[in-house]
Amino acid sequence: MKITLTRCTQLSLLLLSTCAGAAQAATYAYVSNADSADISVFRLDEASGALTPVQTLGVGGTVMPLALSPDKHHLYAGLRSKPYQVLSLAINPADGRLTQRQAAPLAESMAYISTDNTGRWLFSASYGGNQLAINAINPEGLAGEVRQVIKTGPMAHAIRSAPDNRYVFASVLGADAWLRLRLDAKTGQLAQDKAPAYALPEKSGPRHFVFSPDKRFVYLIDELDGKLHVLAFNQDKDTVKPVQRVSILPADFTGDKPWGADVHVTPDGHFLFASERTSSTLAAFRVDKKSGQLTRIGTWPTEKQPRGFNIDPSGNYLLAVGQLSPQMSVYRIDKTTGSLKSLGQYPVGKGANWIEMVKY
């Protein structure tokens, strides 16, 4: 039986959790497991970094991209097996458990999903369908119908809104382009610029990207050449200028082809991490907060083929999964040096590929 939680019920649970005090604060990690068609839920001990299994939720399909609603009430999960769907999963802040509330069609098999800053619109990027799309999200936080589909060059890979929510940016791997699209936040319609916001070198293969916490820079990882781009972001014009291009490959890299995957910045903006799948490593960089430039700290081995990782909201821990590994690694981030210390490994499902984290 499917349980329906109203927005009031969710708010009440959140208030109860908040009133329990700092001692009851909790951080939860959500891992999508494509091949076992489920999502693993863990509670993170904020003092030790230890994980406690909370739930394994079967979703009935190849689950890959995940996205949190801005209000932290819902987790959205994209299914890349037919029928292509986005699931709206309510999060219980008292224990982190998920309850499926609604399933809605996606326009294609989507490699990436995210929401705008208001939580009214769900964006998606299709690698195989060469397109971007928008689904509406209703006032109850449930993703619904597809509102718009926009054709792109080959292999659209990621899509995120700008900090001001006026524009949306998208990476198109096969076109070596980072697109800018104006967002009408009232209607949920996107209008693409004629020229890319940033044109990359041929066969770079732009993949995932993040904005710095202070909104002054964009960090864009390539899939095909093992590079990471630092772009200065003009907050008034929503434009970028290249600042730096660095390698994410380990010094002893011996693979035939680089295979960049994911990138994240610590909440304080001091450190950046990137994953590389051929070498199964995590690269760490110190961020110069004035210039945005990166200085290499080191490289750490991690789970095999690390498609996804994430950093907890405190910035103390990094969690990483590998698509060819049955476990997830937890690391403590040294707040002074940015180095990683392995704390342990925990079983996850098959084909683990994405991690989202939330703190209540």
Protein backbone atom coordinates (compact mmCIF):
# COMPACT_ATOMS: atom_id res chain seq x y z
CA MET A 1 0.00 0.00 0.00
CA LYS A 2 1.37 3.41 -0.97
CA ILE A 3 1.36 5.93 1.90
CA THR A 4 0.59 9.55 1.05
CA LEU A 5 2.18 12.23 3.17
CA THR A 6 0.78 15.74 2.96
CA ARG A 7 3.05 18.76 2.98
CA CYS A 8 1.73 19.57 6.47
CA THR A 9 2.67 16.11 7.70
CA GLN A 10 6.18 16.50 6.31
CA LEU A 11 6.56 19.92 7.92
CA SER A 12 5.35 18.55 11.24
CA LEU A 13 7.91 15.74 11.09
CA LEU A 14 10.63 18.22 10.24
CA LEU A 15 9.65 20.49 13.14
CA LEU A 16 9.62 17.54 15.54
CA SER A 17 13.06 16.54 14.35
CA THR A 18 14.35 20.11 14.76
CA CYS A 19 12.88 20.48 18.23
CA ALA A 20 14.69 17.37 19.37
CA GLY A 21 17.82 19.53 19.51
CA ALA A 22 21.31 19.39 18.12
CA ALA A 23 21.98 16.09 19.84
CA GLN A 24 19.36 14.49 17.59
CA ALA A 25 20.64 16.06 14.35
CA ALA A 26 21.12 13.43 11.69
CA THR A 27 22.72 13.12 8.27
CA TYR A 28 21.48 10.57 5.73
CA ALA A 29 23.08 9.21 2.57
CA TYR A 30 21.12 7.85 -0.40
CA VAL A 31 22.82 5.57 -2.92
CA SER A 32 21.23 4.54 -6.22
CA ASN A 33 22.07 1.00 -7.34
CA ALA A 34 21.30 0.64 -11.04
CA ASP A 35 21.70 -3.09 -11.48
CA SER A 36 19.88 -4.18 -8.32
CA ALA A 37 17.11 -1.61 -8.97
CA ASP A 38 17.11 -0.18 -5.47
CA ILE A 39 18.25 2.71 -3.28
CA SER A 40 20.36 2.16 -0.16
CA VAL A 41 19.75 4.50 2.78
CA PHE A 42 22.34 5.06 5.52
CA ARG A 43 22.58 7.21 8.61
CA LEU A 44 25.96 8.94 9.05
CA ASP A 45 27.43 9.29 12.54
CA GLU A 46 28.64 12.88 12.42
CA ALA A 47 31.29 12.29 15.10
CA SER A 48 32.91 9.12 13.80
CA GLY A 49 31.89 8.91 10.14
CA ALA A 50 30.41 5.44 10.68
CA LEU A 51 27.37 4.44 8.63
CA THR A 52 24.30 2.56 9.83
CA PRO A 53 22.01 0.92 7.24
CA VAL A 54 18.48 2.30 7.45
CA GLN A 55 16.60 0.98 4.41
CA THR A 56 16.89 -0.66 1.02
CA LEU A 57 14.06 0.56 -1.18
CA GLY A 58 13.25 -1.38 -4.34
CA VAL A 59 12.21 0.89 -7.20
CA GLY A 60 11.55 -1.61 -9.99
CA GLY A 61 13.94 -0.20 -12.58
CA THR A 62 17.47 0.91 -13.45
CA VAL A 63 17.80 3.77 -11.00
CA MET A 64 20.66 6.19 -11.60
CA PRO A 65 20.46 9.98 -11.22
CA LEU A 66 19.15 11.35 -7.93
CA ALA A 67 18.24 14.90 -6.90
CA LEU A 68 17.10 16.47 -3.64
CA SER A 69 14.31 19.02 -3.48
CA PRO A 70 15.51 22.43 -2.20
CA ASP A 71 13.36 22.05 0.94
CA LYS A 72 14.84 18.56 1.62
CA HIS A 73 11.39 16.96 1.74
CA HIS A 74 11.79 14.82 -1.37
CA LEU A 75 14.34 12.76 -3.21
CA TYR A 76 13.78 12.41 -6.95
CA ALA A 77 15.08 9.27 -8.66
CA GLY A 78 15.42 8.80 -12.41
CA LEU A 79 14.83 5.36 -13.92
CA ARG A 80 16.82 4.63 -17.10
CA SER A 81 14.98 1.42 -17.99
CA LYS A 82 11.60 1.51 -19.74
CA PRO A 83 9.21 2.98 -18.92
CA TYR A 84 11.45 6.00 -18.28
CA GLN A 85 10.17 7.60 -15.09
CA VAL A 86 11.02 9.95 -12.27
CA LEU A 87 9.98 8.79 -8.81
CA SER A 88 9.05 11.30 -6.12
CA LEU A 89 10.19 9.83 -2.80
CA ALA A 90 9.18 11.48 0.48
CA ILE A 91 11.95 11.65 3.09
CA ASN A 92 11.01 11.10 6.72
CA PRO A 93 13.34 13.49 8.59
CA ALA A 94 12.90 11.47 11.79
CA ASP A 95 14.70 8.42 10.42
CA GLY A 96 15.69 9.16 6.81
CA ARG A 97 13.44 6.48 5.34
CA LEU A 98 11.92 6.90 1.88
CA THR A 99 8.30 6.44 0.80
CA GLN A 100 7.36 6.49 -2.87
CA ARG A 101 4.59 8.99 -3.48
CA GLN A 102 4.39 9.30 -7.24
CA ALA A 103 5.87 8.11 -10.53
CA ALA A 104 5.79 10.35 -13.59
CA PRO A 105 7.06 9.92 -17.17
CA LEU A 106 10.45 11.22 -18.25
CA ALA A 107 10.91 12.26 -21.87
CA GLU A 108 13.83 9.84 -22.36
CA SER A 109 16.47 7.86 -20.49
CA MET A 110 18.01 10.65 -18.43
CA ALA A 111 21.65 10.67 -17.28
CA TYR A 112 21.12 13.63 -14.94
CA ILE A 113 18.27 15.30 -13.05
CA SER A 114 18.13 18.43 -10.89
CA THR A 115 15.61 21.03 -9.75
CA ASP A 116 15.50 24.77 -10.10
CA ASN A 117 16.11 26.79 -6.94
CA THR A 118 12.40 27.16 -6.16
CA GLY A 119 11.65 23.43 -6.39
CA ARG A 120 8.93 24.00 -9.01
CA TRP A 121 10.74 22.49 -11.99
CA LEU A 122 12.68 19.29 -12.59
CA PHE A 123 15.38 19.44 -15.27
CA SER A 124 16.83 16.39 -17.01
CA ALA A 125 19.55 15.65 -19.57
CA SER A 126 19.51 12.64 -21.89
CA TYR A 127 22.82 11.16 -23.05
CA GLY A 128 21.24 8.74 -25.52
CA GLY A 129 18.33 10.98 -26.55
CA ASN A 130 20.42 14.11 -27.22
CA GLN A 131 17.97 16.34 -25.39
CA LEU A 132 17.06 18.31 -22.31
CA ALA A 133 13.61 18.28 -20.72
CA ILE A 134 11.54 19.89 -17.97
CA ASN A 135 8.91 18.29 -15.74
CA ALA A 136 6.61 20.28 -13.51
CA ILE A 137 6.73 19.79 -9.71
CA ASN A 138 3.45 20.48 -7.92
CA PRO A 139 3.03 22.33 -4.59
CA GLU A 140 3.16 19.00 -2.76
CA GLY A 141 6.65 18.41 -4.14
CA LEU A 142 5.63 15.70 -6.61
CA ALA A 143 7.18 15.60 -10.09
CA GLY A 144 4.54 15.45 -12.82
CA GLU A 145 4.14 15.87 -16.54
CA VAL A 146 6.82 16.76 -19.09
CA ARG A 147 6.45 20.43 -20.02
CA GLN A 148 9.18 20.89 -22.63
CA VAL A 149 11.80 18.96 -24.62
CA ILE A 150 14.80 20.68 -26.22
CA LYS A 151 17.02 18.93 -28.75
CA THR A 152 20.77 19.32 -28.28
CA GLY A 153 23.95 18.07 -29.86
CA PRO A 154 24.97 14.47 -29.11
CA MET A 155 25.14 13.16 -25.57
CA ALA A 156 23.66 15.82 -23.27
CA HIS A 157 25.05 14.92 -19.86
CA ALA A 158 24.22 17.35 -17.03
CA ILE A 159 21.89 20.26 -16.33
CA ARG A 160 21.75 22.67 -13.40
CA SER A 161 20.27 26.10 -12.69
CA ALA A 162 22.45 29.12 -12.07
CA PRO A 163 22.53 30.45 -8.49
CA ASP A 164 20.15 33.30 -9.41
CA ASN A 165 17.68 30.91 -11.13
CA ARG A 166 17.53 33.14 -14.22
CA TYR A 167 19.43 30.70 -16.41
CA VAL A 168 20.05 26.99 -16.69
CA PHE A 169 23.35 25.52 -17.89
CA ALA A 170 23.87 22.15 -19.55
CA SER A 171 26.90 20.16 -20.67
CA VAL A 172 26.74 18.35 -24.02
CA LEU A 173 29.53 15.78 -24.15
CA GLY A 174 29.48 14.98 -27.86
CA ALA A 175 29.34 18.63 -28.91
CA ASP A 176 32.09 19.81 -26.53
CA ALA A 177 29.72 22.55 -25.44
CA TRP A 178 28.39 24.06 -22.22
CA LEU A 179 25.01 25.59 -23.01
CA ARG A 180 23.10 28.48 -21.46
CA LEU A 181 19.31 28.59 -21.49
CA ARG A 182 17.10 31.33 -20.08
CA LEU A 183 14.55 30.03 -17.58
CA ASP A 184 11.05 31.44 -17.30
CA ALA A 185 10.45 30.41 -13.69
CA LYS A 186 6.71 31.08 -14.00
CA THR A 187 6.04 28.83 -16.98
CA GLY A 188 8.98 26.43 -16.71
CA GLN A 189 10.09 27.13 -20.28
CA LEU A 190 13.72 27.27 -21.43
CA ALA A 191 15.10 29.35 -24.30
CA GLN A 192 18.55 28.32 -25.50
CA ASP A 193 21.20 30.85 -26.52
CA LYS A 194 22.38 30.54 -30.12
CA ALA A 195 26.00 30.10 -29.05
CA PRO A 196 27.33 28.00 -26.16
CA ALA A 197 28.21 29.77 -22.95
CA TYR A 198 31.57 28.01 -23.17
CA ALA A 199 33.05 26.07 -26.09
CA LEU A 200 35.52 23.39 -25.03
CA PRO A 201 38.47 21.93 -26.95
CA GLU A 202 37.56 19.19 -29.41
CA LYS A 203 36.97 15.77 -27.84
CA SER A 204 37.02 17.12 -24.28
CA GLY A 205 33.65 15.59 -23.47
CA PRO A 206 32.21 17.96 -20.82
CA ARG A 207 30.32 16.03 -18.15
CA HIS A 208 29.35 17.17 -14.63
CA PHE A 209 29.79 20.67 -13.19
CA VAL A 210 29.25 22.54 -9.93
CA PHE A 211 29.13 26.16 -8.81
CA SER A 212 31.42 27.25 -5.99
CA PRO A 213 29.64 27.97 -2.68
CA ASP A 214 30.33 31.70 -3.10
CA LYS A 215 28.85 31.53 -6.64
CA ARG A 216 31.96 33.10 -8.23
CA PHE A 217 33.24 30.05 -10.12
CA VAL A 218 32.13 27.00 -12.07
CA TYR A 219 34.08 23.73 -12.01
CA LEU A 220 33.45 21.54 -15.07
CA ILE A 221 34.90 18.05 -15.44
CA ASP A 222 35.59 16.42 -18.81
CA GLU A 223 34.93 12.74 -19.41
CA LEU A 224 37.27 12.13 -22.36
CA ASP A 225 40.54 14.02 -21.77
CA GLY A 226 41.03 13.83 -17.99
CA LYS A 227 40.76 17.60 -17.54
CA LEU A 228 38.92 19.94 -15.19
CA HIS A 229 37.97 23.49 -16.17
CA VAL A 230 37.85 26.47 -13.79
CA LEU A 231 35.47 29.16 -15.09
CA ALA A 232 34.98 32.59 -13.52
CA PHE A 233 31.24 33.22 -13.20
CA ASN A 234 29.84 36.73 -13.67
CA GLN A 235 26.83 36.83 -11.36
CA ASP A 236 25.38 39.96 -12.98
CA LYS A 237 25.45 38.63 -16.54
CA ASP A 238 25.46 34.86 -15.95
CA THR A 239 28.49 34.49 -18.22
CA VAL A 240 31.82 32.73 -17.75
CA LYS A 241 35.48 33.19 -18.61
CA PRO A 242 38.10 30.43 -18.50
CA VAL A 243 40.59 30.68 -15.64
CA GLN A 244 42.43 27.37 -15.53
CA ARG A 245 42.48 23.83 -16.92
CA VAL A 246 44.05 21.08 -14.81
CA SER A 247 44.48 17.30 -15.03
CA ILE A 248 42.57 14.97 -12.71
CA LEU A 249 44.75 11.99 -13.68
CA PRO A 250 47.17 10.45 -11.17
CA ALA A 251 50.86 10.97 -11.90
CA ASP A 252 51.32 7.27 -12.63
CA PHE A 253 48.29 6.99 -14.94
CA THR A 254 48.79 4.13 -17.41
CA GLY A 255 45.33 3.68 -18.92
CA ASP A 256 44.64 4.05 -22.62
CA LYS A 257 41.83 6.55 -22.13
CA PRO A 258 40.92 8.95 -19.32
CA TRP A 259 37.37 8.58 -18.00
CA GLY A 260 36.39 11.51 -15.81
CA ALA A 261 33.15 11.20 -13.87
CA ASP A 262 32.11 13.44 -10.99
CA VAL A 263 33.14 16.67 -9.21
CA HIS A 264 32.21 18.22 -5.86
CA VAL A 265 33.39 21.11 -3.68
CA THR A 266 33.37 21.17 0.12
CA PRO A 267 30.67 23.43 1.61
CA ASP A 268 33.29 25.94 2.83
CA GLY A 269 34.74 26.15 -0.69
CA HIS A 270 38.27 25.26 0.42
CA PHE A 271 38.69 21.93 -1.37
CA LEU A 272 37.55 20.26 -4.59
CA PHE A 273 37.45 16.55 -5.41
CA ALA A 274 37.07 14.75 -8.74
CA SER A 275 36.68 11.07 -9.65
CA GLU A 276 38.37 9.23 -12.53
CA ARG A 277 37.09 5.81 -13.57
CA THR A 278 39.96 4.29 -15.56
CA SER A 279 42.35 4.52 -12.59
CA SER A 280 39.56 4.29 -9.97
CA THR A 281 40.90 7.31 -8.10
CA LEU A 282 39.82 10.49 -6.35
CA ALA A 283 41.84 13.64 -7.02
CA ALA A 284 41.93 16.39 -4.38
CA PHE A 285 42.66 20.09 -4.96
CA ARG A 286 43.04 23.15 -2.76
CA VAL A 287 40.91 26.07 -3.98
CA ASP A 288 42.24 29.63 -4.02
CA LYS A 289 39.00 31.35 -3.08
CA LYS A 290 40.10 34.67 -4.57
CA SER A 291 41.13 33.42 -8.01
CA GLY A 292 39.29 30.09 -8.08
CA GLN A 293 42.46 28.34 -9.19
CA LEU A 294 43.26 24.81 -8.08
CA THR A 295 46.42 23.33 -6.58
CA ARG A 296 46.80 19.57 -6.56
CA ILE A 297 46.85 17.99 -3.09
CA GLY A 298 47.00 14.32 -3.98
CA THR A 299 45.28 11.25 -5.40
CA TRP A 300 43.59 8.44 -3.47
CA PRO A 301 42.50 5.00 -4.70
CA THR A 302 38.80 4.30 -4.31
CA GLU A 303 36.03 1.91 -5.39
CA LYS A 304 36.32 0.41 -8.87
CA GLN A 305 34.91 2.68 -11.58
CA PRO A 306 33.80 5.56 -9.30
CA ARG A 307 30.95 7.11 -11.24
CA GLY A 308 29.57 8.93 -8.21
CA PHE A 309 30.61 10.39 -4.87
CA ASN A 310 29.49 13.17 -2.58
CA ILE A 311 30.48 15.27 0.43
CA ASP A 312 28.32 15.50 3.54
CA PRO A 313 26.83 18.91 4.50
CA SER A 314 29.37 19.38 7.31
CA GLY A 315 32.26 18.99 4.88
CA ASN A 316 33.88 16.40 7.15
CA TYR A 317 33.25 13.25 5.11
CA LEU A 318 33.40 12.05 1.52
CA LEU A 319 31.46 8.97 0.40
CA ALA A 320 32.30 7.21 -2.87
CA VAL A 321 30.80 4.30 -4.81
CA GLY A 322 31.96 2.36 -7.87
CA GLN A 323 29.78 0.84 -10.57
CA LEU A 324 31.91 -2.32 -10.46
CA SER A 325 32.17 -2.49 -6.68
CA PRO A 326 29.72 -3.98 -4.13
CA GLN A 327 30.67 -1.47 -1.45
CA MET A 328 30.90 2.23 -0.58
CA SER A 329 34.00 3.87 0.90
CA VAL A 330 33.89 6.56 3.58
CA TYR A 331 36.73 9.06 4.04
CA ARG A 332 37.38 11.80 6.55
CA ILE A 333 38.41 15.09 4.93
CA ASP A 334 41.22 16.86 6.78
CA LYS A 335 39.91 20.42 7.20
CA THR A 336 43.44 21.83 7.13
CA THR A 337 45.14 19.88 4.35
CA GLY A 338 42.23 18.48 2.32
CA SER A 339 43.74 14.99 2.44
CA LEU A 340 41.52 11.91 2.73
CA LYS A 341 41.65 9.26 5.44
CA SER A 342 39.83 6.00 4.78
CA LEU A 343 37.37 5.16 7.58
CA GLY A 344 35.69 2.04 6.25
CA GLN A 345 33.62 0.33 3.59
CA TYR A 346 29.94 -0.62 3.57
CA PRO A 347 27.89 -2.97 1.37
CA VAL A 348 25.65 -1.39 -1.26
CA GLY A 349 23.68 -2.76 -4.20
CA LYS A 350 24.89 -3.68 -7.67
CA GLY A 351 25.91 -0.93 -10.05
CA ALA A 352 26.09 1.80 -7.40
CA ASN A 353 26.49 5.11 -9.20
CA TRP A 354 25.01 8.12 -7.40
CA ILE A 355 25.01 9.54 -3.86
CA GLU A 356 22.90 12.32 -2.37
CA MET A 357 23.19 13.49 1.24
CA VAL A 358 20.92 15.53 3.50
CA LYS A 359 21.16 16.80 7.05
CA TYR A 360 18.21 17.51 9.38
